[in-house]
């Protein structure tokens, strides 16, 4: 009998749904306080997860979910960068 590996689950800060970690994009606040998207999930720092959907990012922005997750103010231009990175989908 094969052992089934448990798939890690994370909650999207936008829609608040639990989803597979690999299906979400990690937003990370580095130890220096810089906020960016982490497509590989390897960057150091505090992470929060959001669906790869601009609507979820907008919802997270409206509810200030990332501010609460990172316990810091997030400037509007950071959200704009996150939206652009999400549209490109690369490792920016």
N, C-alpha and C. Protein backbone atom coordinates (compact mmCIF):
# COMPACT_ATOMS: atom_id res chain seq x y z
N UNK A 1 0.84 -1.19 0.00
CA UNK A 1 0.00 0.00 0.00
C UNK A 1 0.88 1.25 0.00
N UNK A 2 0.62 2.14 -0.95
CA UNK A 2 1.40 3.37 -1.06
C UNK A 2 0.92 4.41 -0.06
N UNK A 3 1.88 5.13 0.49
CA UNK A 3 1.53 6.20 1.41
C UNK A 3 1.16 7.45 0.60
N UNK A 4 0.01 8.02 0.88
CA UNK A 4 -0.45 9.20 0.16
C UNK A 4 0.09 10.44 0.88
N UNK A 5 0.81 11.28 0.12
CA UNK A 5 1.35 12.50 0.71
C UNK A 5 0.24 13.53 0.84
N UNK A 6 0.24 14.19 1.98
CA UNK A 6 -0.75 15.23 2.23
C UNK A 6 -0.34 16.49 1.47
N UNK A 7 -1.28 17.06 0.73
CA UNK A 7 -1.00 18.27 -0.04
C UNK A 7 -1.17 19.47 0.90
N UNK A 8 -0.12 20.31 1.01
CA UNK A 8 -0.25 21.46 1.91
C UNK A 8 -1.34 22.42 1.44
N UNK A 9 -2.13 22.90 2.38
CA UNK A 9 -3.22 23.82 2.07
C UNK A 9 -2.90 25.19 2.67
N UNK A 10 -3.29 26.24 1.96
CA UNK A 10 -3.12 27.60 2.44
C UNK A 10 -4.41 28.37 2.15
N UNK A 11 -4.65 29.41 2.92
CA UNK A 11 -5.86 30.20 2.74
C UNK A 11 -5.53 31.45 1.92
N UNK A 12 -6.31 31.69 0.88
CA UNK A 12 -6.16 32.89 0.07
C UNK A 12 -6.63 34.08 0.91
N UNK A 13 -5.81 35.14 0.98
CA UNK A 13 -6.19 36.31 1.77
C UNK A 13 -7.31 37.11 1.11
N UNK A 14 -7.57 36.84 -0.18
CA UNK A 14 -8.63 37.55 -0.89
C UNK A 14 -9.98 36.90 -0.69
N UNK A 15 -10.13 35.65 -1.15
CA UNK A 15 -11.43 34.98 -1.08
C UNK A 15 -11.60 34.16 0.20
N UNK A 16 -10.52 34.02 0.98
CA UNK A 16 -10.52 33.28 2.25
C UNK A 16 -10.80 31.79 2.09
N UNK A 17 -10.59 31.25 0.88
CA UNK A 17 -10.80 29.83 0.65
C UNK A 17 -9.50 29.06 0.84
N UNK A 18 -9.61 27.85 1.38
CA UNK A 18 -8.45 26.98 1.51
C UNK A 18 -8.22 26.30 0.16
N UNK A 19 -6.99 26.39 -0.33
CA UNK A 19 -6.64 25.79 -1.62
C UNK A 19 -5.28 25.14 -1.51
N UNK A 20 -4.94 24.33 -2.51
CA UNK A 20 -3.62 23.72 -2.53
C UNK A 20 -2.56 24.81 -2.63
N UNK A 21 -1.51 24.68 -1.83
CA UNK A 21 -0.45 25.68 -1.78
C UNK A 21 0.12 25.96 -3.16
N UNK A 22 0.29 24.91 -3.97
CA UNK A 22 0.90 25.09 -5.29
C UNK A 22 -0.01 25.83 -6.28
N UNK A 23 -1.30 25.93 -5.96
CA UNK A 23 -2.24 26.65 -6.83
C UNK A 23 -2.30 28.14 -6.49
N UNK A 24 -1.63 28.55 -5.42
CA UNK A 24 -1.68 29.95 -4.98
C UNK A 24 -0.36 30.64 -5.24
N UNK A 25 -0.39 31.97 -5.25
CA UNK A 25 0.84 32.75 -5.39
C UNK A 25 1.18 33.28 -4.00
N UNK A 26 2.44 33.14 -3.63
CA UNK A 26 2.90 33.61 -2.33
C UNK A 26 3.32 35.07 -2.44
N UNK A 27 2.79 35.87 -1.54
CA UNK A 27 3.23 37.25 -1.41
C UNK A 27 4.13 37.25 -0.19
N UNK A 28 5.33 37.80 -0.33
CA UNK A 28 6.29 37.70 0.77
C UNK A 28 6.77 39.08 1.21
N UNK A 29 6.90 39.24 2.52
CA UNK A 29 7.54 40.44 3.06
C UNK A 29 8.92 40.00 3.54
N UNK A 30 9.94 40.53 2.89
CA UNK A 30 11.31 40.14 3.22
C UNK A 30 11.69 40.69 4.59
N UNK A 31 12.78 40.15 5.17
CA UNK A 31 13.24 40.70 6.45
C UNK A 31 13.55 42.20 6.38
N UNK A 32 13.83 42.70 5.17
CA UNK A 32 14.10 44.15 4.99
C UNK A 32 12.80 44.95 4.88
N UNK A 33 11.66 44.26 4.78
CA UNK A 33 10.38 44.94 4.72
C UNK A 33 9.85 45.12 3.31
N UNK A 34 10.53 44.55 2.32
CA UNK A 34 10.09 44.66 0.93
C UNK A 34 9.03 43.62 0.63
N UNK A 35 7.93 44.05 -0.01
CA UNK A 35 6.83 43.14 -0.34
C UNK A 35 6.88 42.83 -1.83
N UNK A 36 6.85 41.52 -2.17
CA UNK A 36 6.88 41.12 -3.58
C UNK A 36 6.18 39.77 -3.75
N UNK A 37 5.93 39.41 -5.01
CA UNK A 37 5.36 38.08 -5.30
C UNK A 37 6.48 37.07 -5.36
N UNK A 38 6.19 35.88 -4.87
CA UNK A 38 7.16 34.80 -4.83
C UNK A 38 6.54 33.60 -5.55
N UNK A 39 6.85 33.47 -6.85
CA UNK A 39 6.22 32.40 -7.64
C UNK A 39 6.80 31.03 -7.31
N UNK A 40 8.03 30.99 -6.82
CA UNK A 40 8.68 29.70 -6.51
C UNK A 40 8.44 29.27 -5.06
N UNK A 41 8.04 30.21 -4.21
CA UNK A 41 7.79 29.86 -2.81
C UNK A 41 9.06 29.67 -2.01
N UNK A 42 10.17 30.25 -2.46
CA UNK A 42 11.46 30.02 -1.82
C UNK A 42 12.06 31.26 -1.17
N UNK A 43 11.48 32.44 -1.42
CA UNK A 43 12.08 33.67 -0.88
C UNK A 43 11.96 33.69 0.64
N UNK A 44 12.97 34.24 1.32
CA UNK A 44 12.89 34.32 2.78
C UNK A 44 11.93 35.42 3.20
N UNK A 45 11.30 35.23 4.33
CA UNK A 45 10.40 36.24 4.87
C UNK A 45 9.03 35.69 5.18
N UNK A 46 8.17 36.56 5.61
CA UNK A 46 6.80 36.20 5.99
C UNK A 46 5.95 36.09 4.74
N UNK A 47 5.21 35.02 4.62
CA UNK A 47 4.41 34.80 3.43
C UNK A 47 2.91 34.86 3.69
N UNK A 48 2.20 35.30 2.68
CA UNK A 48 0.73 35.24 2.65
C UNK A 48 0.39 34.75 1.25
N UNK A 49 -0.75 34.13 1.10
CA UNK A 49 -1.09 33.51 -0.18
C UNK A 49 -2.32 34.14 -0.79
N UNK A 50 -2.30 34.23 -2.12
CA UNK A 50 -3.43 34.79 -2.85
C UNK A 50 -3.63 33.98 -4.13
N UNK A 51 -4.90 33.83 -4.55
CA UNK A 51 -5.19 33.12 -5.80
C UNK A 51 -4.56 33.87 -6.97
N UNK A 52 -4.19 33.16 -8.03
CA UNK A 52 -3.62 33.83 -9.20
C UNK A 52 -4.71 34.53 -10.01
N UNK A 53 -5.46 35.36 -9.33
CA UNK A 53 -6.63 36.00 -9.90
C UNK A 53 -6.64 37.46 -9.44
N UNK A 54 -6.71 38.38 -10.38
CA UNK A 54 -6.68 39.81 -10.05
C UNK A 54 -7.84 40.19 -9.12
N UNK A 55 -8.98 39.50 -9.25
CA UNK A 55 -10.13 39.81 -8.40
C UNK A 55 -9.82 39.51 -6.93
N UNK A 56 -9.10 38.42 -6.68
CA UNK A 56 -8.72 38.08 -5.30
C UNK A 56 -7.73 39.10 -4.75
N UNK A 57 -6.82 39.55 -5.58
CA UNK A 57 -5.86 40.57 -5.13
C UNK A 57 -6.59 41.87 -4.81
N UNK A 58 -7.57 42.22 -5.64
CA UNK A 58 -8.36 43.43 -5.38
C UNK A 58 -9.13 43.32 -4.07
N UNK A 59 -9.69 42.13 -3.84
CA UNK A 59 -10.44 41.90 -2.61
C UNK A 59 -9.51 41.99 -1.39
N UNK A 60 -8.32 41.41 -1.52
CA UNK A 60 -7.34 41.47 -0.44
C UNK A 60 -6.93 42.92 -0.17
N UNK A 61 -6.81 43.69 -1.24
CA UNK A 61 -6.43 45.11 -1.11
C UNK A 61 -7.54 45.88 -0.39
N UNK A 62 -8.79 45.63 -0.79
CA UNK A 62 -9.92 46.34 -0.21
C UNK A 62 -10.08 46.01 1.28
N UNK A 63 -9.89 44.75 1.63
CA UNK A 63 -10.08 44.33 3.03
C UNK A 63 -8.81 44.51 3.86
N UNK A 64 -7.74 45.02 3.23
CA UNK A 64 -6.46 45.24 3.90
C UNK A 64 -5.90 43.95 4.50
N UNK A 65 -6.17 42.83 3.83
CA UNK A 65 -5.75 41.53 4.35
C UNK A 65 -4.23 41.39 4.41
N UNK A 66 -3.53 41.91 3.40
CA UNK A 66 -2.07 41.81 3.42
C UNK A 66 -1.46 42.67 4.52
N UNK A 67 -2.06 43.83 4.77
CA UNK A 67 -1.59 44.68 5.87
C UNK A 67 -1.68 43.92 7.19
N UNK A 68 -2.80 43.22 7.38
CA UNK A 68 -2.98 42.45 8.62
C UNK A 68 -2.00 41.28 8.68
N UNK A 69 -1.83 40.59 7.55
CA UNK A 69 -0.93 39.43 7.52
C UNK A 69 0.51 39.83 7.82
N UNK A 70 0.92 40.97 7.27
CA UNK A 70 2.32 41.39 7.42
C UNK A 70 2.52 42.39 8.56
N UNK A 71 1.42 42.82 9.19
CA UNK A 71 1.46 43.79 10.29
C UNK A 71 2.26 45.03 9.90
N UNK A 72 2.03 45.51 8.67
CA UNK A 72 2.70 46.71 8.19
C UNK A 72 1.83 47.38 7.14
N UNK A 73 2.01 48.68 6.95
CA UNK A 73 1.28 49.39 5.90
C UNK A 73 1.88 49.02 4.55
N UNK A 74 1.03 48.83 3.55
CA UNK A 74 1.50 48.49 2.22
C UNK A 74 1.11 49.61 1.27
N UNK A 75 2.11 50.28 0.67
CA UNK A 75 1.80 51.40 -0.23
C UNK A 75 1.05 50.95 -1.48
N UNK A 76 0.26 51.86 -2.06
CA UNK A 76 -0.54 51.55 -3.24
C UNK A 76 0.32 51.05 -4.39
N UNK A 77 1.54 51.62 -4.55
CA UNK A 77 2.38 51.19 -5.67
C UNK A 77 2.82 49.74 -5.54
N UNK A 78 2.89 49.23 -4.32
CA UNK A 78 3.22 47.81 -4.14
C UNK A 78 2.09 46.94 -4.70
N UNK A 79 0.84 47.32 -4.40
CA UNK A 79 -0.29 46.59 -4.96
C UNK A 79 -0.29 46.66 -6.49
N UNK A 80 0.04 47.83 -7.03
CA UNK A 80 0.10 47.98 -8.49
C UNK A 80 1.15 47.04 -9.08
N UNK A 81 2.31 46.97 -8.41
CA UNK A 81 3.38 46.06 -8.86
C UNK A 81 2.90 44.62 -8.78
N UNK A 82 2.20 44.27 -7.71
CA UNK A 82 1.71 42.90 -7.56
C UNK A 82 0.74 42.56 -8.68
N UNK A 83 -0.14 43.52 -9.03
CA UNK A 83 -1.09 43.28 -10.12
C UNK A 83 -0.35 43.09 -11.45
N UNK A 84 0.69 43.91 -11.69
CA UNK A 84 1.47 43.78 -12.92
C UNK A 84 2.21 42.45 -12.95
N UNK A 85 2.81 42.07 -11.83
CA UNK A 85 3.53 40.78 -11.76
C UNK A 85 2.58 39.63 -12.00
N UNK A 86 1.36 39.76 -11.49
CA UNK A 86 0.37 38.70 -11.66
C UNK A 86 -0.05 38.56 -13.11
N UNK A 87 -0.19 39.70 -13.80
CA UNK A 87 -0.55 39.68 -15.22
C UNK A 87 0.57 39.02 -16.04
N UNK A 88 1.82 39.38 -15.73
CA UNK A 88 2.96 38.80 -16.45
C UNK A 88 3.12 37.33 -16.07
N UNK A 89 2.97 37.04 -14.77
CA UNK A 89 3.04 35.66 -14.30
C UNK A 89 4.45 35.12 -14.19
N UNK A 90 5.44 35.97 -14.39
CA UNK A 90 6.83 35.52 -14.31
C UNK A 90 7.39 35.68 -12.92
N UNK A 91 8.68 35.44 -12.78
CA UNK A 91 9.33 35.60 -11.48
C UNK A 91 9.96 36.99 -11.48
N UNK A 92 9.19 37.98 -11.03
CA UNK A 92 9.63 39.34 -11.14
C UNK A 92 10.26 39.85 -9.91
